[in-house]
Amino acid sequence: MEKSKDQRARMWTFVVYPESAPENWRDILSDYHIPWVESPLHDKDVNPDGEVKKAHWHIILFFDGKTRSIAKKVG
């Protein structure tokens, strides 16, 4: 029997779009007391066809141990 790949991770990434997030999204995220980092705003990215992508930030959450899902940890 083949062993399945471990799907757990200590770091989880996601994207935040300014027009979709509440103004205080950073405060909300910080209130979970999970270390995280935010990229500079990506507002000049382009698709291969030249179309400008929506402005966004990349976020990384850092957990103490591996976890399968951040849904239970972050609302």
PDB file of N, CA and C in Angstrom:
ATOM      1  N   MET A   1       0.846  -1.173   0.000  1.00  0.00           N
ATOM      2  CA  MET A   1       0.000   0.000   0.000  1.00  0.00           C
ATOM      3  C   MET A   1       0.898   1.244   0.000  1.00  0.00           C
ATOM      4  N   GLU A   2       0.560   2.199  -0.832  1.00  0.00           N
ATOM      5  CA  GLU A   2       1.354   3.432  -0.937  1.00  0.00           C
ATOM      6  C   GLU A   2       0.961   4.396   0.172  1.00  0.00           C
ATOM      7  N   LYS A   3       1.960   4.958   0.811  1.00  0.00           N
ATOM      8  CA  LYS A   3       1.718   5.924   1.896  1.00  0.00           C
ATOM      9  C   LYS A   3       1.260   7.251   1.288  1.00  0.00           C
ATOM     10  N   SER A   4       0.193   7.826   1.841  1.00  0.00           N
ATOM     11  CA  SER A   4      -0.306   9.100   1.319  1.00  0.00           C
ATOM     12  C   SER A   4       0.579  10.245   1.797  1.00  0.00           C
ATOM     13  N   LYS A   5       0.632  11.282   0.996  1.00  0.00           N
ATOM     14  CA  LYS A   5       1.438  12.456   1.317  1.00  0.00           C
ATOM     15  C   LYS A   5       0.827  13.197   2.507  1.00  0.00           C
ATOM     16  N   ASP A   6       1.670  13.634   3.418  1.00  0.00           N
ATOM     17  CA  ASP A   6       1.226  14.400   4.579  1.00  0.00           C
ATOM     18  C   ASP A   6       0.708  15.758   4.104  1.00  0.00           C
ATOM     19  N   GLN A   7      -0.551  16.044   4.335  1.00  0.00           N
ATOM     20  CA  GLN A   7      -1.179  17.290   3.887  1.00  0.00           C
ATOM     21  C   GLN A   7      -1.131  18.389   4.944  1.00  0.00           C
ATOM     22  N   ARG A   8      -0.468  18.122   6.058  1.00  0.00           N
ATOM     23  CA  ARG A   8      -0.398  19.124   7.120  1.00  0.00           C
ATOM     24  C   ARG A   8       0.748  20.104   6.847  1.00  0.00           C
ATOM     25  N   ALA A   9       0.639  21.281   7.430  1.00  0.00           N
ATOM     26  CA  ALA A   9       1.682  22.290   7.246  1.00  0.00           C
ATOM     27  C   ALA A   9       1.757  23.197   8.466  1.00  0.00           C
ATOM     28  N   ARG A  10       2.934  23.750   8.698  1.00  0.00           N
ATOM     29  CA  ARG A  10       3.127  24.737   9.772  1.00  0.00           C
ATOM     30  C   ARG A  10       2.840  26.142   9.264  1.00  0.00           C
ATOM     31  N   MET A  11       3.023  26.352   7.972  1.00  0.00           N
ATOM     32  CA  MET A  11       2.796  27.668   7.373  1.00  0.00           C
ATOM     33  C   MET A  11       1.677  27.560   6.346  1.00  0.00           C
ATOM     34  N   TRP A  12       0.760  28.521   6.399  1.00  0.00           N
ATOM     35  CA  TRP A  12      -0.343  28.575   5.450  1.00  0.00           C
ATOM     36  C   TRP A  12      -0.325  29.943   4.780  1.00  0.00           C
ATOM     37  N   THR A  13      -0.609  29.961   3.508  1.00  0.00           N
ATOM     38  CA  THR A  13      -0.618  31.217   2.761  1.00  0.00           C
ATOM     39  C   THR A  13      -1.997  31.486   2.179  1.00  0.00           C
ATOM     40  N   PHE A  14      -2.302  32.747   2.018  1.00  0.00           N
ATOM     41  CA  PHE A  14      -3.525  33.146   1.338  1.00  0.00           C
ATOM     42  C   PHE A  14      -3.349  34.559   0.820  1.00  0.00           C
ATOM     43  N   VAL A  15      -4.321  35.008   0.050  1.00  0.00           N
ATOM     44  CA  VAL A  15      -4.274  36.322  -0.585  1.00  0.00           C
ATOM     45  C   VAL A  15      -5.416  37.175  -0.043  1.00  0.00           C
ATOM     46  N   VAL A  16      -5.140  38.447   0.211  1.00  0.00           N
ATOM     47  CA  VAL A  16      -6.156  39.406   0.656  1.00  0.00           C
ATOM     48  C   VAL A  16      -6.291  40.465  -0.428  1.00  0.00           C
ATOM     49  N   TYR A  17      -7.535  40.689  -0.865  1.00  0.00           N
ATOM     50  CA  TYR A  17      -7.824  41.731  -1.849  1.00  0.00           C
ATOM     51  C   TYR A  17      -8.390  42.953  -1.130  1.00  0.00           C
ATOM     52  N   PRO A  18      -7.819  44.139  -1.335  1.00  0.00           N
ATOM     53  CA  PRO A  18      -8.277  45.341  -0.621  1.00  0.00           C
ATOM     54  C   PRO A  18      -9.779  45.593  -0.725  1.00  0.00           C
ATOM     55  N   GLU A  19     -10.361  45.341  -1.891  1.00  0.00           N
ATOM     56  CA  GLU A  19     -11.788  45.648  -2.056  1.00  0.00           C
ATOM     57  C   GLU A  19     -12.693  44.617  -1.386  1.00  0.00           C
ATOM     58  N   SER A  20     -12.145  43.465  -0.993  1.00  0.00           N
ATOM     59  CA  SER A  20     -12.961  42.412  -0.387  1.00  0.00           C
ATOM     60  C   SER A  20     -12.786  42.305   1.125  1.00  0.00           C
ATOM     61  N   ALA A  21     -11.732  42.865   1.651  1.00  0.00           N
ATOM     62  CA  ALA A  21     -11.423  42.712   3.078  1.00  0.00           C
ATOM     63  C   ALA A  21     -11.964  43.892   3.878  1.00  0.00           C
ATOM     64  N   PRO A  22     -12.367  43.631   5.123  1.00  0.00           N
ATOM     65  CA  PRO A  22     -12.768  44.756   5.968  1.00  0.00           C
ATOM     66  C   PRO A  22     -11.569  45.662   6.248  1.00  0.00           C
ATOM     67  N   GLU A  23     -11.836  46.923   6.534  1.00  0.00           N
ATOM     68  CA  GLU A  23     -10.750  47.880   6.783  1.00  0.00           C
ATOM     69  C   GLU A  23      -9.794  47.421   7.878  1.00  0.00           C
ATOM     70  N   ASN A  24     -10.323  46.739   8.872  1.00  0.00           N
ATOM     71  CA  ASN A  24      -9.518  46.327  10.022  1.00  0.00           C
ATOM     72  C   ASN A  24      -9.054  44.862   9.918  1.00  0.00           C
ATOM     73  N   TRP A  25      -8.864  44.352   8.718  1.00  0.00           N
ATOM     74  CA  TRP A  25      -8.510  42.934   8.550  1.00  0.00           C
ATOM     75  C   TRP A  25      -7.214  42.583   9.282  1.00  0.00           C
ATOM     76  N   ARG A  26      -6.284  43.520   9.348  1.00  0.00           N
ATOM     77  CA  ARG A  26      -5.024  43.247  10.061  1.00  0.00           C
ATOM     78  C   ARG A  26      -5.268  43.061  11.565  1.00  0.00           C
ATOM     79  N   ASP A  27      -6.132  43.906  12.130  1.00  0.00           N
ATOM     80  CA  ASP A  27      -6.476  43.774  13.550  1.00  0.00           C
ATOM     81  C   ASP A  27      -7.175  42.445  13.814  1.00  0.00           C
ATOM     82  N   ILE A  28      -8.085  42.076  12.942  1.00  0.00           N
ATOM     83  CA  ILE A  28      -8.814  40.809  13.088  1.00  0.00           C
ATOM     84  C   ILE A  28      -7.831  39.644  13.073  1.00  0.00           C
ATOM     85  N   LEU A  29      -6.916  39.661  12.130  1.00  0.00           N
ATOM     86  CA  LEU A  29      -5.927  38.586  12.032  1.00  0.00           C
ATOM     87  C   LEU A  29      -5.020  38.569  13.265  1.00  0.00           C
ATOM     88  N   SER A  30      -4.583  39.725  13.708  1.00  0.00           N
ATOM     89  CA  SER A  30      -3.711  39.805  14.888  1.00  0.00           C
ATOM     90  C   SER A  30      -4.411  39.320  16.154  1.00  0.00           C
ATOM     91  N   ASP A  31      -5.724  39.497  16.233  1.00  0.00           N
ATOM     92  CA  ASP A  31      -6.480  39.067  17.416  1.00  0.00           C
ATOM     93  C   ASP A  31      -6.450  37.554  17.617  1.00  0.00           C
ATOM     94  N   TYR A  32      -6.075  36.787  16.593  1.00  0.00           N
ATOM     95  CA  TYR A  32      -5.963  35.330  16.734  1.00  0.00           C
ATOM     96  C   TYR A  32      -4.650  34.919  17.401  1.00  0.00           C
ATOM     97  N   HIS A  33      -3.740  35.871  17.577  1.00  0.00           N
ATOM     98  CA  HIS A  33      -2.450  35.615  18.231  1.00  0.00           C
ATOM     99  C   HIS A  33      -1.660  34.515  17.523  1.00  0.00           C
ATOM    100  N   ILE A  34      -1.717  34.548  16.200  1.00  0.00           N
ATOM    101  CA  ILE A  34      -0.936  33.645  15.355  1.00  0.00           C
ATOM    102  C   ILE A  34       0.070  34.534  14.623  1.00  0.00           C
ATOM    103  N   PRO A  35       1.358  34.224  14.700  1.00  0.00           N
ATOM    104  CA  PRO A  35       2.327  35.048  13.965  1.00  0.00           C
ATOM    105  C   PRO A  35       2.017  35.043  12.462  1.00  0.00           C
ATOM    106  N   TRP A  36       2.139  36.204  11.839  1.00  0.00           N
ATOM    107  CA  TRP A  36       1.880  36.305  10.407  1.00  0.00           C
ATOM    108  C   TRP A  36       2.713  37.426   9.797  1.00  0.00           C
ATOM    109  N   VAL A  37       2.886  37.347   8.489  1.00  0.00           N
ATOM    110  CA  VAL A  37       3.578  38.400   7.739  1.00  0.00           C
ATOM    111  C   VAL A  37       2.738  38.766   6.523  1.00  0.00           C
ATOM    112  N   GLU A  38       2.935  39.991   6.081  1.00  0.00           N
ATOM    113  CA  GLU A  38       2.192  40.552   4.947  1.00  0.00           C
ATOM    114  C   GLU A  38       3.184  41.054   3.908  1.00  0.00           C
ATOM    115  N   SER A  39       2.942  40.722   2.665  1.00  0.00           N
ATOM    116  CA  SER A  39       3.791  41.232   1.590  1.00  0.00           C
ATOM    117  C   SER A  39       3.448  42.695   1.321  1.00  0.00           C
ATOM    118  N   PRO A  40       4.314  43.384   0.594  1.00  0.00           N
ATOM    119  CA  PRO A  40       3.907  44.702   0.084  1.00  0.00           C
ATOM    120  C   PRO A  40       2.700  44.509  -0.841  1.00  0.00           C
ATOM    121  N   LEU A  41       1.909  45.550  -1.021  1.00  0.00           N
ATOM    122  CA  LEU A  41       0.761  45.469  -1.924  1.00  0.00           C
ATOM    123  C   LEU A  41       1.244  45.164  -3.338  1.00  0.00           C
ATOM    124  N   HIS A  42       0.703  44.113  -3.929  1.00  0.00           N
ATOM    125  CA  HIS A  42       1.008  43.750  -5.319  1.00  0.00           C
ATOM    126  C   HIS A  42      -0.029  44.439  -6.196  1.00  0.00           C
ATOM    127  N   ASP A  43       0.310  45.592  -6.719  1.00  0.00           N
ATOM    128  CA  ASP A  43      -0.644  46.333  -7.547  1.00  0.00           C
ATOM    129  C   ASP A  43      -0.136  46.584  -8.961  1.00  0.00           C
ATOM    130  N   LYS A  44       0.956  45.905  -9.316  1.00  0.00           N
ATOM    131  CA  LYS A  44       1.500  46.052 -10.667  1.00  0.00           C
ATOM    132  C   LYS A  44       1.708  44.708 -11.359  1.00  0.00           C
ATOM    133  N   ASP A  45       1.181  43.621 -10.762  1.00  0.00           N
ATOM    134  CA  ASP A  45       1.312  42.288 -11.360  1.00  0.00           C
ATOM    135  C   ASP A  45       0.463  42.202 -12.628  1.00  0.00           C
ATOM    136  N   VAL A  46       0.961  41.484 -13.610  1.00  0.00           N
ATOM    137  CA  VAL A  46       0.211  41.291 -14.855  1.00  0.00           C
ATOM    138  C   VAL A  46       0.139  39.806 -15.205  1.00  0.00           C
ATOM    139  N   ASN A  47      -0.957  39.423 -15.825  1.00  0.00           N
ATOM    140  CA  ASN A  47      -1.134  38.069 -16.338  1.00  0.00           C
ATOM    141  C   ASN A  47      -0.288  37.903 -17.599  1.00  0.00           C
ATOM    142  N   PRO A  48      -0.062  36.661 -18.053  1.00  0.00           N
ATOM    143  CA  PRO A  48       0.711  36.450 -19.283  1.00  0.00           C
ATOM    144  C   PRO A  48       0.150  37.184 -20.505  1.00  0.00           C
ATOM    145  N   ASP A  49      -1.177  37.443 -20.506  1.00  0.00           N
ATOM    146  CA  ASP A  49      -1.780  38.156 -21.640  1.00  0.00           C
ATOM    147  C   ASP A  49      -1.660  39.672 -21.524  1.00  0.00           C
ATOM    148  N   GLY A  50      -1.000  40.155 -20.450  1.00  0.00           N
ATOM    149  CA  GLY A  50      -0.800  41.593 -20.269  1.00  0.00           C
ATOM    150  C   GLY A  50      -1.855  42.273 -19.418  1.00  0.00           C
ATOM    151  N   GLU A  51      -2.914  41.553 -19.083  1.00  0.00           N
ATOM    152  CA  GLU A  51      -3.963  42.131 -18.250  1.00  0.00           C
ATOM    153  C   GLU A  51      -3.431  42.316 -16.819  1.00  0.00           C
ATOM    154  N   VAL A  52      -3.725  43.488 -16.237  1.00  0.00           N
ATOM    155  CA  VAL A  52      -3.273  43.782 -14.879  1.00  0.00           C
ATOM    156  C   VAL A  52      -4.115  42.975 -13.887  1.00  0.00           C
ATOM    157  N   LYS A  53      -3.436  42.309 -12.948  1.00  0.00           N
ATOM    158  CA  LYS A  53      -4.134  41.547 -11.917  1.00  0.00           C
ATOM    159  C   LYS A  53      -4.715  42.496 -10.872  1.00  0.00           C
ATOM    160  N   LYS A  54      -5.728  42.021 -10.150  1.00  0.00           N
ATOM    161  CA  LYS A  54      -6.289  42.822  -9.059  1.00  0.00           C
ATOM    162  C   LYS A  54      -5.222  43.021  -7.988  1.00  0.00           C
ATOM    163  N   ALA A  55      -5.204  44.188  -7.374  1.00  0.00           N
ATOM    164  CA  ALA A  55      -4.262  44.461  -6.286  1.00  0.00           C
ATOM    165  C   ALA A  55      -4.513  43.478  -5.152  1.00  0.00           C
ATOM    166  N   HIS A  56      -3.432  43.034  -4.502  1.00  0.00           N
ATOM    167  CA  HIS A  56      -3.570  42.037  -3.441  1.00  0.00           C
ATOM    168  C   HIS A  56      -2.320  41.991  -2.572  1.00  0.00           C
ATOM    169  N   TRP A  57      -2.490  41.426  -1.379  1.00  0.00           N
ATOM    170  CA  TRP A  57      -1.372  41.135  -0.479  1.00  0.00           C
ATOM    171  C   TRP A  57      -1.281  39.618  -0.323  1.00  0.00           C
ATOM    172  N   HIS A  58      -0.076  39.108  -0.162  1.00  0.00           N
ATOM    173  CA  HIS A  58       0.137  37.709   0.191  1.00  0.00           C
ATOM    174  C   HIS A  58       0.354  37.663   1.703  1.00  0.00           C
ATOM    175  N   ILE A  59      -0.299  36.720   2.363  1.00  0.00           N
ATOM    176  CA  ILE A  59      -0.211  36.582   3.814  1.00  0.00           C
ATOM    177  C   ILE A  59       0.308  35.180   4.134  1.00  0.00           C
ATOM    178  N   ILE A  60       1.186  35.085   5.111  1.00  0.00           N
ATOM    179  CA  ILE A  60       1.650  33.784   5.601  1.00  0.00           C
ATOM    180  C   ILE A  60       1.356  33.722   7.097  1.00  0.00           C
ATOM    181  N   LEU A  61       0.700  32.634   7.515  1.00  0.00           N
ATOM    182  CA  LEU A  61       0.447  32.362   8.932  1.00  0.00           C
ATOM    183  C   LEU A  61       1.437  31.301   9.394  1.00  0.00           C
ATOM    184  N   PHE A  62       1.959  31.452  10.598  1.00  0.00           N
ATOM    185  CA  PHE A  62       2.936  30.520  11.162  1.00  0.00           C
ATOM    186  C   PHE A  62       2.345  29.851  12.403  1.00  0.00           C
ATOM    187  N   PHE A  63       2.174  28.530  12.352  1.00  0.00           N
ATOM    188  CA  PHE A  63       1.639  27.776  13.482  1.00  0.00           C
ATOM    189  C   PHE A  63       2.768  27.059  14.208  1.00  0.00           C
ATOM    190  N   ASP A  64       2.556  26.747  15.497  1.00  0.00           N
ATOM    191  CA  ASP A  64       3.563  26.047  16.299  1.00  0.00           C
ATOM    192  C   ASP A  64       3.829  24.641  15.782  1.00  0.00           C
ATOM    193  N   GLY A  65       2.795  23.976  15.324  1.00  0.00           N
ATOM    194  CA  GLY A  65       2.932  22.618  14.806  1.00  0.00           C
ATOM    195  C   GLY A  65       2.146  22.478  13.524  1.00  0.00           C
ATOM    196  N   LYS A  66       2.296  21.334  12.886  1.00  0.00           N
ATOM    197  CA  LYS A  66       1.575  21.097  11.638  1.00  0.00           C
ATOM    198  C   LYS A  66       0.079  21.017  11.891  1.00  0.00           C
ATOM    199  N   THR A  67      -0.694  21.527  10.965  1.00  0.00           N
ATOM    200  CA  THR A  67      -2.151  21.476  11.045  1.00  0.00           C
ATOM    201  C   THR A  67      -2.704  21.184   9.656  1.00  0.00           C
ATOM    202  N   ARG A  68      -3.828  20.491   9.598  1.00  0.00           N
ATOM    203  CA  ARG A  68      -4.454  20.151   8.317  1.00  0.00           C
ATOM    204  C   ARG A  68      -5.273  21.298   7.750  1.00  0.00           C
ATOM    205  N   SER A  69      -5.863  22.074   8.604  1.00  0.00           N
ATOM    206  CA  SER A  69      -6.776  23.117   8.148  1.00  0.00           C
ATOM    207  C   SER A  69      -6.648  24.336   9.057  1.00  0.00           C
ATOM    208  N   ILE A  70      -6.688  25.496   8.446  1.00  0.00           N
ATOM    209  CA  ILE A  70      -6.672  26.705   9.265  1.00  0.00           C
ATOM    210  C   ILE A  70      -8.082  27.136   9.623  1.00  0.00           C
ATOM    211  N   ALA A  71      -9.098  26.519   9.017  1.00  0.00           N
ATOM    212  CA  ALA A  71     -10.480  26.907   9.265  1.00  0.00           C
ATOM    213  C   ALA A  71     -10.828  26.799  10.755  1.00  0.00           C
ATOM    214  N   LYS A  72     -10.353  25.757  11.434  1.00  0.00           N
ATOM    215  CA  LYS A  72     -10.658  25.593  12.853  1.00  0.00           C
ATOM    216  C   LYS A  72      -9.846  26.567  13.700  1.00  0.00           C
ATOM    217  N   LYS A  73      -8.676  26.958  13.228  1.00  0.00           N
ATOM    218  CA  LYS A  73      -7.790  27.843  13.982  1.00  0.00           C
ATOM    219  C   LYS A  73      -8.165  29.312  13.792  1.00  0.00           C
ATOM    220  N   VAL A  74      -8.599  29.660  12.575  1.00  0.00           N
ATOM    221  CA  VAL A  74      -8.905  31.048  12.229  1.00  0.00           C
ATOM    222  C   VAL A  74     -10.354  31.100  11.761  1.00  0.00           C
ATOM    223  N   GLY A  75     -11.239  31.327  12.697  1.00  0.00           N
ATOM    224  CA  GLY A  75     -12.667  31.488  12.446  1.00  0.00           C
ATOM    225  C   GLY A  75     -13.176  30.653  11.350  1.00  0.00           C
TER     226      GLY A  75
END
